[in-house]
Protein backbone atom coordinates (compact mmCIF):
# COMPACT_ATOMS: atom_id res chain seq x y z
CA MET A 1 130.77 120.61 122.52
CA ILE A 2 128.96 117.46 121.34
CA GLU A 3 128.32 116.25 124.89
CA LYS A 4 127.04 119.66 125.96
CA SER A 5 124.62 119.89 123.02
CA PHE A 6 123.25 116.38 123.60
CA ARG A 7 123.05 116.69 127.40
CA ARG A 8 119.33 117.57 127.30
CA VAL A 9 118.58 115.02 124.54
CA VAL A 10 120.14 111.98 126.24
CA GLY A 11 117.38 110.10 128.04
CA LEU A 12 114.63 111.25 125.68
CA PRO A 13 112.86 108.77 123.42
CA CYS A 14 113.18 109.33 119.70
CA TRP A 15 109.98 109.51 117.69
CA GLY A 16 108.85 110.22 114.15
CA VAL A 17 111.92 108.38 112.84
CA HIS A 18 111.81 108.77 109.07
CA TRP A 19 113.89 107.72 106.08
CA ASP A 20 113.71 109.11 102.57
CA PRO A 21 116.11 108.24 99.72
CA GLN A 22 116.79 111.94 98.98
CA LEU A 23 116.68 113.39 102.50
CA ASN A 24 118.21 110.38 104.29
CA LEU A 25 117.37 109.76 107.98
CA SER A 26 115.77 111.94 110.64
CA LEU A 27 114.83 111.49 114.30
CA ASN A 28 112.83 113.75 116.61
CA PHE A 29 113.29 114.15 120.38
CA GLY A 30 111.30 116.10 122.96
CA ARG A 31 107.89 117.73 122.76
CA PRO A 32 106.36 118.02 119.31
CA HIS A 33 105.59 121.37 117.72
CA LEU A 34 104.29 122.52 114.35
CA ILE A 35 106.37 124.31 111.76
CA VAL A 36 104.17 126.14 109.28
CA ARG A 37 105.47 127.56 106.01
CA GLU A 38 102.89 129.79 104.41
CA PRO A 39 102.32 129.70 100.64
CA ARG A 40 104.56 131.98 98.62
CA SER A 41 104.88 132.99 95.03
CA THR A 42 108.00 132.40 93.01
CA ARG A 43 109.33 133.08 89.54
CA ALA A 44 110.92 129.64 89.40
CA PRO A 45 110.76 128.17 85.88
CA SER A 46 109.73 124.77 87.25
CA THR A 47 105.98 124.19 87.44
CA LYS A 48 106.59 121.60 90.16
CA VAL A 49 108.45 124.14 92.32
CA ARG A 50 105.78 126.81 91.79
CA LEU A 51 103.01 124.37 92.79
CA LEU A 52 104.92 123.20 95.87
CA LEU A 53 105.54 126.73 97.08
CA ALA A 54 101.92 127.71 96.44
CA ARG A 55 100.85 125.21 99.13
CA ARG A 56 100.98 125.65 102.89
CA LEU A 57 103.45 123.20 104.39
CA VAL A 58 102.91 121.93 107.94
CA VAL A 59 105.53 119.70 109.55
CA VAL A 60 105.59 118.19 113.05
CA ARG A 61 109.06 118.29 114.60
CA GLY A 62 110.47 117.59 118.04
CA GLN A 63 112.18 120.21 120.19
CA TRP A 64 115.37 118.56 118.94
CA TRP A 65 115.58 117.24 115.41
CA LEU A 66 118.53 115.09 114.32
CA TRP A 67 119.07 114.91 110.57
CA VAL A 68 121.58 112.45 109.13
CA TYR A 69 122.25 113.85 105.69
CA CYS A 70 125.49 113.49 103.65
CA ALA A 71 126.56 110.22 105.21
CA PHE A 72 126.45 106.46 105.16
CA TRP A 73 124.60 105.02 108.11
CA LYS A 74 124.05 101.59 109.61
CA LEU A 75 121.34 100.76 112.10
CA ALA A 76 121.57 97.67 114.29
CA VAL A 77 118.46 97.03 116.35
CA ARG A 78 117.24 93.98 118.27
CA GLY A 79 114.76 91.91 116.31
CA ALA A 80 116.10 92.86 112.87
CA LYS A 81 119.19 92.40 110.74
CA PRO A 82 121.44 95.49 110.53
CA VAL A 83 120.28 97.86 107.79
CA THR A 84 121.87 100.69 105.83
CA GLY A 85 120.57 103.43 103.56
CA ALA A 86 121.14 101.01 100.68
CA SER A 87 118.76 98.38 102.10
CA SER A 88 115.28 97.99 100.66
CA ARG A 89 112.60 100.46 101.75
CA ARG A 90 110.64 97.66 103.46
CA VAL A 91 113.68 96.51 105.48
CA ILE A 92 114.60 100.10 106.45
CA GLU A 93 111.06 100.94 107.55
CA ARG A 94 110.86 97.80 109.70
CA ALA A 95 114.17 98.63 111.42
CA ILE A 96 113.39 102.32 112.02
CA GLY A 97 110.01 101.24 113.39
CA LEU A 98 111.92 99.24 116.01
CA LEU A 99 114.16 102.26 116.74
CA ASP A 100 111.17 104.58 117.19
CA GLY A 101 110.55 105.11 120.92
CA GLN A 102 114.01 104.09 122.12
CA ARG A 103 115.75 106.52 124.47
CA LEU A 104 119.07 108.01 123.39
CA GLU A 105 121.81 106.87 125.80
CA SER A 106 125.01 108.26 124.35
CA VAL A 107 126.72 109.92 121.39
CA ALA A 108 130.39 109.34 120.55
CA VAL A 109 132.22 111.21 117.77
CA ASP A 110 135.68 110.35 116.44
CA PRO A 111 137.36 113.78 116.04
CA ARG A 112 139.53 112.60 113.11
CA ASN A 113 136.73 111.70 110.70
CA ALA A 114 133.53 112.49 112.64
CA LYS A 115 132.36 108.87 112.60
CA THR A 116 129.51 108.94 115.11
CA GLU A 117 127.87 106.24 117.22
CA PHE A 118 124.43 106.90 118.68
CA THR A 119 123.38 104.26 121.25
CA PHE A 120 119.87 103.69 122.57
CA ASP A 121 118.47 102.09 125.73
CA LEU A 122 116.83 99.06 124.10
CA GLY A 123 119.97 98.04 122.27
CA ALA A 124 119.80 100.02 119.02
CA ARG A 125 123.04 101.44 117.64
CA LEU A 126 123.13 103.98 114.81
CA SER A 127 126.56 104.38 113.18
CA VAL A 128 127.15 107.34 110.87
CA ARG A 129 130.24 107.86 108.71
CA ARG A 130 131.35 110.00 105.78
CA PHE A 131 131.03 108.89 102.16
CA ASP A 132 134.79 109.04 101.51
CA ALA A 133 138.02 110.59 102.82
CA GLN A 134 137.50 113.82 100.84
CA SER A 135 133.93 114.28 102.05
CA ASP A 136 133.45 117.54 103.92
CA GLY A 137 129.63 117.70 103.86
CA ASP A 138 127.58 117.71 107.06
CA LEU A 139 127.21 114.13 108.26
CA TRP A 140 124.49 115.10 110.67
CA THR A 141 122.83 118.16 112.11
CA LEU A 142 121.07 118.66 115.44
CA TYR A 143 118.49 121.46 115.47
CA GLU A 144 117.96 122.70 119.02
CA PRO A 145 114.92 124.45 120.60
CA SER A 146 117.07 127.54 121.20
CA GLY A 147 117.46 128.05 117.43
CA ARG A 148 121.07 126.91 117.56
CA VAL A 149 122.27 124.26 115.14
CA LEU A 150 125.07 121.77 115.73
CA ALA A 151 126.47 120.36 112.47
CA VAL A 152 129.33 117.87 112.19
CA ARG A 153 131.26 117.44 108.94
CA GLY A 154 133.12 114.39 107.66
CA ASP A 155 136.45 116.24 107.80
CA GLY A 156 136.34 116.38 111.62
CA HIS A 157 134.96 119.92 111.94
CA TYR A 158 131.77 121.23 113.52
CA THR A 159 129.74 124.39 113.85
CA HIS A 160 127.38 125.32 116.69
CA GLN A 161 125.56 128.61 116.29
CA LYS A 162 122.22 130.22 115.50
CA GLY A 163 120.78 128.79 112.30
CA SER A 164 120.52 132.27 110.80
CA GLN A 165 124.28 132.94 111.07
CA PRO A 166 126.85 132.05 108.39
CA ASP A 167 128.58 128.74 109.06
CA ARG A 168 131.87 128.91 110.94
CA TYR A 169 133.44 125.48 111.33
CA LEU A 170 135.99 124.55 114.01
CA PRO A 171 138.02 121.36 114.51
CA LEU A 172 136.41 118.72 116.76
CA VAL A 173 139.69 118.23 118.65
C-alpha cells in the first residue's frame, strides 16, 4: 500500500518544507494549489479562536502534502549536522532549507513499529519513528490529490481512504 501511494510522488522534488514546534514537519510535492478557508463565526469562548476563525485563511499546498506529526524525526542532509525536532530553530531551518528541492527517491516502512525512512536524490535521509512503544498516534500522513489520505500509526497500522470517511486502520503486514 505504501509503495502504491508514493509511486507518483517518488521522483518529485519536495518544496515548502516547513517545521513548527506544535505542528512538527511538513513537505509538499507536485504542483502548488491554494486552499482557502472562508471566515466563519463561532461561539468559542476563546477570543483568540474567534479572531482566527473570523479571518480568511489561504494556504499554498502541493498536490501531495506529507505531514510528520506525532513522531520523533531525524534529518541527515549533506552540508549540515543531523538535526531532530529537538534541535534549535536556527539549526532546523538551515537543514530543511538544504532538504527543500531534493527529489524523493524511496520510502521504507518497518511494519512492526512503522519506523519510516524517506531518502532523497541529493543524499538527504529523513527518519521518522514513534515516541514510545505504546504510541498509536499517526506518525505521518500523506494527503493525495484524489482526496485520499494515507496515515501510518506507530503501532504498525495504516489507513488509506477518503479524508471525509471515518478512520479504519489495518495492519501494515
